[in-house]
Amino acid sequence: MKAVVYYKLRENNFWLSPQRCLYWEEEKALIVSDLHFGKTGHFRKSGIAIPQNVFKEDIQRLIDQISSFKPEQLIIVGDLFHSEANKEMDLFIKWRNDLSSIQFHLVKGNHDILNDEWYQQANIKVCQNEMIVNDFRFVHDVTTVTESSPLYSFTGHIHPGIQVSGIAKQSLRFPCFYFGKEYAVLPAFSRFTGLHLIEPKKKEHVFAIVDHSIIQTQ
């Protein structure tokens, strides 16, 4: 397994993967956000020639992570899909059937607009707003997190990125994991997404994803 990084949170053990996901030891759960499956097909339907290989590569990366961590469940923190059903969804169903022993939990994001029957067919358990497991809350949009909550939240939605500056005023941007006091923001699993730059404060932890490595920047 490539360069996973250990992170302890509320006496629970997590492993950060450079493939943009997080493994939770205690629950044997792989946590991902913003996969946006079907996005390339959505663009092609609109006449924009995005190759289907983008979708296939994302699926393969997820298969590889499942093979490596061997989770019993997959927790998806929103935007599993990008839009309405298209041919890429048929490929997803076939792939999902091959992994029927793994529980899929989806906390709906703003792009998850498929009808309830489709999720049932795909054997995906859907949470409309949040999912709570022990001391942790899973929710798509960070704006719903309140400081008064005793639960620590895992969120997605914004596709967090960090800008790293070097000599000669050079700077590069990388997707990242962000861990604040009340919540974490996971990187978008899909590589076919933009980045929203974050500005971490003191005592907050940020891990940049650089090629196939994870580098703590704060």
Protein backbone atom coordinates (compact mmCIF):
# COMPACT_ATOMS: atom_id res chain seq x y z
CA MET A 1 0.00 0.00 0.00
CA LYS A 2 1.41 3.37 -1.02
CA ALA A 3 2.45 5.85 1.67
CA VAL A 4 -0.55 5.85 3.99
CA VAL A 5 -0.34 8.22 6.97
CA TYR A 6 -1.66 7.49 10.46
CA TYR A 7 -3.93 9.99 12.23
CA LYS A 8 -5.51 9.56 15.68
CA LEU A 9 -8.77 11.31 16.42
CA ARG A 10 -10.84 10.93 19.60
CA GLU A 11 -9.06 7.67 20.46
CA ASN A 12 -9.90 6.26 17.03
CA ASN A 13 -7.36 5.22 14.43
CA PHE A 14 -7.50 6.54 10.88
CA TRP A 15 -5.26 6.02 7.86
CA LEU A 16 -4.96 8.73 5.20
CA SER A 17 -4.38 7.45 1.68
CA PRO A 18 -2.81 9.47 -1.16
CA GLN A 19 -5.63 8.04 -3.27
CA ARG A 20 -7.92 10.58 -1.57
CA CYS A 21 -9.70 8.43 0.96
CA LEU A 22 -9.57 7.61 4.66
CA TYR A 23 -9.70 4.25 6.43
CA TRP A 24 -11.28 3.98 9.89
CA GLU A 25 -9.87 0.99 11.74
CA GLU A 26 -12.45 0.62 14.50
CA GLU A 27 -15.40 0.48 12.08
CA LYS A 28 -13.55 -1.22 9.23
CA ALA A 29 -14.84 1.60 7.05
CA LEU A 30 -13.41 3.31 4.00
CA ILE A 31 -14.52 6.95 3.95
CA VAL A 32 -14.68 8.90 0.69
CA SER A 33 -16.29 12.08 -0.60
CA ASP A 34 -17.15 13.72 -3.89
CA LEU A 35 -16.60 10.86 -6.32
CA HIS A 36 -18.87 12.52 -8.91
CA PHE A 37 -19.36 9.30 -10.86
CA GLY A 38 -21.10 10.00 -14.14
CA LYS A 39 -19.64 13.48 -14.50
CA THR A 40 -17.69 12.65 -17.66
CA GLY A 41 -20.82 11.08 -19.19
CA HIS A 42 -22.79 14.19 -18.25
CA PHE A 43 -20.29 16.37 -20.10
CA ARG A 44 -20.33 14.11 -23.15
CA LYS A 45 -24.13 14.32 -23.30
CA SER A 46 -23.67 18.09 -23.41
CA GLY A 47 -21.32 17.79 -26.39
CA ILE A 48 -18.03 18.17 -24.47
CA ALA A 49 -15.66 15.35 -25.42
CA ILE A 50 -14.38 14.18 -22.04
CA PRO A 51 -12.89 10.66 -22.36
CA GLN A 52 -14.59 7.87 -20.40
CA ASN A 53 -11.16 6.78 -19.15
CA VAL A 54 -11.46 9.43 -16.43
CA PHE A 55 -14.43 7.57 -14.95
CA LYS A 56 -12.80 4.16 -15.36
CA GLU A 57 -9.60 5.33 -13.67
CA ASP A 58 -11.56 6.65 -10.68
CA ILE A 59 -13.45 3.35 -10.37
CA GLN A 60 -10.17 1.43 -10.57
CA ARG A 61 -8.59 3.57 -7.85
CA LEU A 62 -11.54 2.84 -5.58
CA ILE A 63 -11.29 -0.89 -6.35
CA ASP A 64 -7.59 -0.77 -5.48
CA GLN A 65 -8.30 0.93 -2.14
CA ILE A 66 -10.98 -1.61 -1.29
CA SER A 67 -8.55 -4.42 -2.15
CA SER A 68 -5.85 -2.85 0.04
CA PHE A 69 -7.87 -1.93 3.13
CA LYS A 70 -10.51 -4.70 2.85
CA PRO A 71 -13.29 -2.63 4.46
CA GLU A 72 -16.63 -4.03 5.53
CA GLN A 73 -18.36 -0.77 4.66
CA LEU A 74 -17.98 2.28 2.48
CA ILE A 75 -19.11 5.63 3.90
CA ILE A 76 -19.63 8.22 1.18
CA VAL A 77 -19.84 11.81 2.43
CA GLY A 78 -21.90 13.13 -0.45
CA ASP A 79 -21.78 13.52 -4.23
CA LEU A 80 -21.31 9.89 -5.11
CA PHE A 81 -22.86 10.77 -8.45
CA HIS A 82 -22.79 13.97 -10.42
CA SER A 83 -26.16 14.30 -12.11
CA GLU A 84 -28.93 12.28 -13.77
CA ALA A 85 -28.43 8.68 -14.83
CA ASN A 86 -26.30 7.96 -17.90
CA LYS A 87 -24.39 4.99 -19.33
CA GLU A 88 -21.66 5.29 -16.71
CA MET A 89 -24.28 4.47 -14.08
CA ASP A 90 -24.85 1.10 -15.77
CA LEU A 91 -21.14 0.38 -15.39
CA PHE A 92 -21.37 1.40 -11.74
CA ILE A 93 -24.24 -1.04 -11.12
CA LYS A 94 -22.23 -3.90 -12.62
CA TRP A 95 -19.24 -2.98 -10.45
CA ARG A 96 -21.44 -2.63 -7.36
CA ASN A 97 -22.89 -6.12 -7.88
CA ASP A 98 -19.36 -7.53 -7.78
CA LEU A 99 -18.92 -5.98 -4.32
CA SER A 100 -22.25 -6.97 -2.82
CA SER A 101 -20.68 -8.03 0.49
CA ILE A 102 -19.62 -4.44 1.29
CA GLN A 103 -22.21 -2.10 2.78
CA PHE A 104 -22.52 1.23 0.98
CA HIS A 105 -23.73 4.23 3.02
CA LEU A 106 -24.38 7.50 1.20
CA VAL A 107 -24.98 10.82 2.93
CA LYS A 108 -26.67 12.68 0.11
CA GLY A 109 -24.86 15.64 -1.41
CA ASN A 110 -26.21 18.38 -3.63
CA HIS A 111 -25.38 16.38 -6.77
CA ASP A 112 -27.03 13.15 -5.61
CA ILE A 113 -30.34 13.63 -7.42
CA LEU A 114 -31.14 10.10 -8.60
CA ASN A 115 -34.50 8.69 -7.52
CA ASP A 116 -34.89 6.42 -4.49
CA GLU A 117 -35.52 3.33 -6.61
CA TRP A 118 -32.12 3.71 -8.29
CA TYR A 119 -30.29 3.72 -4.96
CA GLN A 120 -32.28 0.67 -3.87
CA GLN A 121 -31.33 -1.14 -7.08
CA ALA A 122 -27.67 -0.29 -6.38
CA ASN A 123 -27.98 -1.59 -2.79
CA ILE A 124 -26.95 1.77 -1.33
CA LYS A 125 -28.26 2.85 2.08
CA VAL A 126 -29.12 6.54 1.83
CA CYS A 127 -29.01 9.12 4.63
CA GLN A 128 -30.76 12.33 3.66
CA ASN A 129 -28.86 14.77 5.88
CA GLU A 130 -26.38 13.05 8.17
CA MET A 131 -25.06 9.75 9.44
CA ILE A 132 -23.94 9.33 13.05
CA VAL A 133 -21.60 6.57 14.20
CA ASN A 134 -20.39 6.71 17.81
CA ASP A 135 -18.67 10.10 18.36
CA PHE A 136 -18.62 11.00 14.68
CA ARG A 137 -21.05 12.69 12.33
CA PHE A 138 -20.90 12.44 8.55
CA VAL A 139 -22.43 15.29 6.59
CA HIS A 140 -21.78 16.64 3.10
CA ASP A 141 -21.71 20.40 3.65
CA VAL A 142 -19.45 21.92 6.28
CA THR A 143 -21.84 24.86 6.75
CA THR A 144 -24.20 22.57 8.66
CA VAL A 145 -21.58 21.92 11.38
CA THR A 146 -22.21 23.75 14.66
CA GLU A 147 -19.58 24.46 17.31
CA SER A 148 -21.96 23.35 20.06
CA SER A 149 -22.17 19.77 18.77
CA PRO A 150 -20.32 17.16 20.87
CA LEU A 151 -19.77 15.11 17.71
CA TYR A 152 -16.78 15.46 15.40
CA SER A 153 -17.90 15.84 11.79
CA PHE A 154 -16.47 14.52 8.55
CA THR A 155 -17.49 16.64 5.57
CA GLY A 156 -16.73 17.12 1.88
CA HIS A 157 -18.32 19.33 -0.77
CA ILE A 158 -15.72 22.08 -1.12
CA HIS A 159 -12.88 19.97 -2.65
CA PRO A 160 -10.24 21.41 -0.30
CA GLY A 161 -6.81 22.40 -1.56
CA ILE A 162 -3.70 23.95 -0.09
CA GLN A 163 -1.22 26.32 -1.73
CA VAL A 164 2.40 25.51 -1.02
CA SER A 165 4.95 28.25 -1.73
CA GLY A 166 8.61 27.72 -2.57
CA ILE A 167 11.62 29.79 -3.49
CA ALA A 168 11.46 32.51 -6.15
CA LYS A 169 7.80 33.15 -5.30
CA GLN A 170 6.77 29.85 -6.85
CA SER A 171 3.64 28.17 -5.58
CA LEU A 172 1.72 24.98 -6.31
CA ARG A 173 -1.76 23.83 -5.36
CA PHE A 174 -2.59 20.36 -4.10
CA PRO A 175 -5.72 18.58 -2.86
CA CYS A 176 -5.61 17.98 0.87
CA PHE A 177 -7.11 16.53 4.02
CA TYR A 178 -8.08 19.21 6.54
CA PHE A 179 -8.60 18.52 10.26
CA GLY A 180 -9.98 21.35 12.37
CA LYS A 181 -11.23 21.41 15.95
CA GLU A 182 -14.87 20.51 15.18
CA TYR A 183 -14.69 18.93 11.74
CA ALA A 184 -12.57 17.47 8.96
CA VAL A 185 -12.91 18.13 5.24
CA LEU A 186 -12.00 15.30 2.91
CA PRO A 187 -10.46 15.78 -0.53
CA ALA A 188 -12.60 15.08 -3.57
CA PHE A 189 -11.98 11.48 -4.59
CA SER A 190 -12.51 12.36 -8.23
CA ARG A 191 -9.54 13.90 -9.97
CA PHE A 192 -11.94 15.60 -12.40
CA THR A 193 -12.73 18.42 -9.95
CA GLY A 194 -11.40 21.84 -9.05
CA LEU A 195 -9.90 22.97 -5.75
CA HIS A 196 -11.10 25.41 -3.11
CA LEU A 197 -8.07 26.80 -1.31
CA ILE A 198 -8.28 26.75 2.47
CA GLU A 199 -6.41 28.91 4.97
CA PRO A 200 -5.79 26.78 8.06
CA LYS A 201 -5.44 28.32 11.50
CA LYS A 202 -3.02 27.43 14.27
CA LYS A 203 -3.40 23.94 15.75
CA GLU A 204 -5.28 22.75 12.67
CA HIS A 205 -3.77 19.93 10.65
CA VAL A 206 -3.44 19.81 6.86
CA PHE A 207 -2.07 16.97 4.77
CA ALA A 208 -1.35 17.73 1.11
CA ILE A 209 -1.61 14.99 -1.51
CA VAL A 210 1.44 15.28 -3.73
CA ASP A 211 1.69 12.70 -6.50
CA HIS A 212 1.52 9.39 -4.59
CA SER A 213 2.52 10.79 -1.22
CA ILE A 214 0.99 12.64 1.70
CA ILE A 215 2.88 15.60 3.15
CA GLN A 216 1.83 17.36 6.35
CA THR A 217 1.97 21.09 5.71
CA GLN A 218 0.65 22.17 9.09
